[in-house]
Amino acid sequence: MGKQVTEMLKGVLEGIVLAILSARPAYGYEITADLREQGFADIAEGTVYALLIRIEQRGFVDIEKVPSEKGPPRKVYSLNAQGREQLEDFWRTWSFLAERIEQLHGREN
């Protein structure tokens, strides 16, 4: 199941991260830790940081640089209006797909 989960996650990870940011602003490591707490232990930090760069470039988040006790300032990401619209679209799409998959699964029984 491991490889299949990884492949499926690639398609939905953006929506998952946007959902995390809809609850509260966070920096990359916090997002990764939250994902791991939710059971997504195999997601590498590099994957999350690459995704954060993409959603920043697409205009879905606002960024605030916050001083860090160790090292350079942290980039704290917060969902903006465009990001909230994208998240709503993600949930609509997810609901559509989940319903269709459940229908197909029900045919097997």
C-alpha atoms as a PDB file:
ATOM      1  CA  MET A   1       0.000   0.000   0.000  1.00  0.00           C
ATOM      2  CA  GLY A   2       2.930   2.376   0.596  1.00  0.00           C
ATOM      3  CA  LYS A   3       3.706   3.244  -3.035  1.00  0.00           C
ATOM      4  CA  GLN A   4       0.041   3.642  -3.931  1.00  0.00           C
ATOM      5  CA  VAL A   5      -0.533   6.037  -1.017  1.00  0.00           C
ATOM      6  CA  THR A   6       2.519   8.062  -2.055  1.00  0.00           C
ATOM      7  CA  GLU A   7       1.266   8.355  -5.622  1.00  0.00           C
ATOM      8  CA  MET A   8      -2.234   9.370  -4.526  1.00  0.00           C
ATOM      9  CA  LEU A   9      -0.856  11.909  -2.070  1.00  0.00           C
ATOM     10  CA  LYS A  10       1.033  13.682  -4.838  1.00  0.00           C
ATOM     11  CA  GLY A  11      -2.291  14.669  -6.350  1.00  0.00           C
ATOM     12  CA  VAL A  12      -3.914  15.919  -3.165  1.00  0.00           C
ATOM     13  CA  LEU A  13      -1.049  17.244  -1.046  1.00  0.00           C
ATOM     14  CA  GLU A  14      -1.637  20.838  -2.118  1.00  0.00           C
ATOM     15  CA  GLY A  15      -5.217  20.674  -0.881  1.00  0.00           C
ATOM     16  CA  ILE A  16      -4.114  19.083   2.385  1.00  0.00           C
ATOM     17  CA  VAL A  17      -1.550  21.844   3.003  1.00  0.00           C
ATOM     18  CA  LEU A  18      -4.092  24.540   2.135  1.00  0.00           C
ATOM     19  CA  ALA A  19      -6.483  22.931   4.637  1.00  0.00           C
ATOM     20  CA  ILE A  20      -3.786  23.035   7.320  1.00  0.00           C
ATOM     21  CA  LEU A  21      -3.144  26.705   6.576  1.00  0.00           C
ATOM     22  CA  SER A  22      -6.861  27.475   6.689  1.00  0.00           C
ATOM     23  CA  ALA A  23      -6.773  26.614  10.395  1.00  0.00           C
ATOM     24  CA  ARG A  24      -3.781  28.804  11.245  1.00  0.00           C
ATOM     25  CA  PRO A  25      -0.642  30.375   9.766  1.00  0.00           C
ATOM     26  CA  ALA A  26       2.400  28.103   9.935  1.00  0.00           C
ATOM     27  CA  TYR A  27       5.960  27.741   8.724  1.00  0.00           C
ATOM     28  CA  GLY A  28       7.306  24.793   6.760  1.00  0.00           C
ATOM     29  CA  TYR A  29       8.478  22.632   9.637  1.00  0.00           C
ATOM     30  CA  GLU A  30       5.160  23.110  11.501  1.00  0.00           C
ATOM     31  CA  ILE A  31       3.269  22.009   8.391  1.00  0.00           C
ATOM     32  CA  THR A  32       5.472  18.935   8.026  1.00  0.00           C
ATOM     33  CA  ALA A  33       5.005  18.086  11.719  1.00  0.00           C
ATOM     34  CA  ASP A  34       1.232  18.509  11.379  1.00  0.00           C
ATOM     35  CA  LEU A  35       1.205  16.179   8.371  1.00  0.00           C
ATOM     36  CA  ARG A  36       3.154  13.574  10.327  1.00  0.00           C
ATOM     37  CA  GLU A  37       0.754  13.870  13.273  1.00  0.00           C
ATOM     38  CA  GLN A  38      -2.085  13.208  10.819  1.00  0.00           C
ATOM     39  CA  GLY A  39      -0.403   9.967   9.766  1.00  0.00           C
ATOM     40  CA  PHE A  40       1.475  11.146   6.673  1.00  0.00           C
ATOM     41  CA  ALA A  41       4.841  10.036   8.090  1.00  0.00           C
ATOM     42  CA  ASP A  42       6.524   9.400   4.742  1.00  0.00           C
ATOM     43  CA  ILE A  43       6.234  12.964   3.433  1.00  0.00           C
ATOM     44  CA  ALA A  44       9.684  14.518   3.217  1.00  0.00           C
ATOM     45  CA  GLU A  45      10.302  18.088   4.331  1.00  0.00           C
ATOM     46  CA  GLY A  46      11.704  18.835   0.878  1.00  0.00           C
ATOM     47  CA  THR A  47       8.383  17.874  -0.683  1.00  0.00           C
ATOM     48  CA  VAL A  48       6.529  20.273   1.608  1.00  0.00           C
ATOM     49  CA  TYR A  49       8.960  23.130   0.942  1.00  0.00           C
ATOM     50  CA  ALA A  50       8.704  22.636  -2.826  1.00  0.00           C
ATOM     51  CA  LEU A  51       4.921  22.698  -2.524  1.00  0.00           C
ATOM     52  CA  LEU A  52       5.049  25.887  -0.424  1.00  0.00           C
ATOM     53  CA  ILE A  53       7.108  27.572  -3.143  1.00  0.00           C
ATOM     54  CA  ARG A  54       4.494  26.563  -5.734  1.00  0.00           C
ATOM     55  CA  ILE A  55       1.514  27.809  -3.731  1.00  0.00           C
ATOM     56  CA  GLU A  56       3.400  31.038  -3.015  1.00  0.00           C
ATOM     57  CA  GLN A  57       4.067  31.520  -6.742  1.00  0.00           C
ATOM     58  CA  ARG A  58       0.424  30.808  -7.525  1.00  0.00           C
ATOM     59  CA  GLY A  59      -0.648  33.530  -5.087  1.00  0.00           C
ATOM     60  CA  PHE A  60      -2.520  31.325  -2.592  1.00  0.00           C
ATOM     61  CA  VAL A  61      -0.647  32.462   0.523  1.00  0.00           C
ATOM     62  CA  ASP A  62       0.659  35.565   2.182  1.00  0.00           C
ATOM     63  CA  ILE A  63       4.063  35.410   3.806  1.00  0.00           C
ATOM     64  CA  GLU A  64       5.416  37.067   6.904  1.00  0.00           C
ATOM     65  CA  LYS A  65       9.049  36.735   7.900  1.00  0.00           C
ATOM     66  CA  VAL A  66       9.263  36.103  11.633  1.00  0.00           C
ATOM     67  CA  PRO A  67      12.548  36.176  13.591  1.00  0.00           C
ATOM     68  CA  SER A  68      13.832  32.784  14.649  1.00  0.00           C
ATOM     69  CA  GLU A  69      15.714  31.934  17.809  1.00  0.00           C
ATOM     70  CA  LYS A  70      18.113  29.921  15.664  1.00  0.00           C
ATOM     71  CA  GLY A  71      19.181  30.955  12.191  1.00  0.00           C
ATOM     72  CA  PRO A  72      17.464  33.154   9.627  1.00  0.00           C
ATOM     73  CA  PRO A  73      13.885  34.441   9.911  1.00  0.00           C
ATOM     74  CA  ARG A  74      11.122  31.915   9.277  1.00  0.00           C
ATOM     75  CA  LYS A  75       8.613  32.294   6.484  1.00  0.00           C
ATOM     76  CA  VAL A  76       5.171  32.001   8.025  1.00  0.00           C
ATOM     77  CA  TYR A  77       2.485  31.161   5.466  1.00  0.00           C
ATOM     78  CA  SER A  78      -1.136  32.206   5.835  1.00  0.00           C
ATOM     79  CA  LEU A  79      -3.970  31.439   3.469  1.00  0.00           C
ATOM     80  CA  ASN A  80      -5.280  34.470   1.600  1.00  0.00           C
ATOM     81  CA  ALA A  81      -8.579  34.965  -0.257  1.00  0.00           C
ATOM     82  CA  GLN A  82      -7.289  33.346  -3.448  1.00  0.00           C
ATOM     83  CA  GLY A  83      -6.004  30.391  -1.422  1.00  0.00           C
ATOM     84  CA  ARG A  84      -9.380  30.007   0.292  1.00  0.00           C
ATOM     85  CA  GLU A  85     -11.060  29.901  -3.119  1.00  0.00           C
ATOM     86  CA  GLN A  86      -8.590  27.240  -4.236  1.00  0.00           C
ATOM     87  CA  LEU A  87      -9.269  25.244  -1.079  1.00  0.00           C
ATOM     88  CA  GLU A  88     -13.043  25.449  -1.651  1.00  0.00           C
ATOM     89  CA  ASP A  89     -12.489  24.202  -5.204  1.00  0.00           C
ATOM     90  CA  PHE A  90     -10.317  21.370  -3.856  1.00  0.00           C
ATOM     91  CA  TRP A  91     -13.083  20.277  -1.439  1.00  0.00           C
ATOM     92  CA  ARG A  92     -15.711  20.373  -4.213  1.00  0.00           C
ATOM     93  CA  THR A  93     -13.482  18.260  -6.435  1.00  0.00           C
ATOM     94  CA  TRP A  94     -12.647  15.896  -3.563  1.00  0.00           C
ATOM     95  CA  SER A  95     -16.349  15.399  -2.781  1.00  0.00           C
ATOM     96  CA  PHE A  96     -17.134  14.684  -6.424  1.00  0.00           C
ATOM     97  CA  LEU A  97     -14.328  12.124  -6.714  1.00  0.00           C
ATOM     98  CA  ALA A  98     -15.029  10.497  -3.350  1.00  0.00           C
ATOM     99  CA  GLU A  99     -18.683   9.979  -4.264  1.00  0.00           C
ATOM    100  CA  ARG A 100     -17.772   8.399  -7.605  1.00  0.00           C
ATOM    101  CA  ILE A 101     -15.150   6.148  -6.027  1.00  0.00           C
ATOM    102  CA  GLU A 102     -17.620   5.010  -3.363  1.00  0.00           C
ATOM    103  CA  GLN A 103     -20.137   4.207  -6.093  1.00  0.00           C
ATOM    104  CA  LEU A 104     -17.549   2.115  -7.912  1.00  0.00           C
ATOM    105  CA  HIS A 105     -16.532   0.407  -4.695  1.00  0.00           C
ATOM    106  CA  GLY A 106     -20.186  -0.382  -3.962  1.00  0.00           C
ATOM    107  CA  ARG A 107     -20.472  -2.182  -7.308  1.00  0.00           C
ATOM    108  CA  GLU A 108     -17.834  -4.699  -6.213  1.00  0.00           C
ATOM    109  CA  ASN A 109     -19.915  -6.053  -3.329  1.00  0.00           C
END
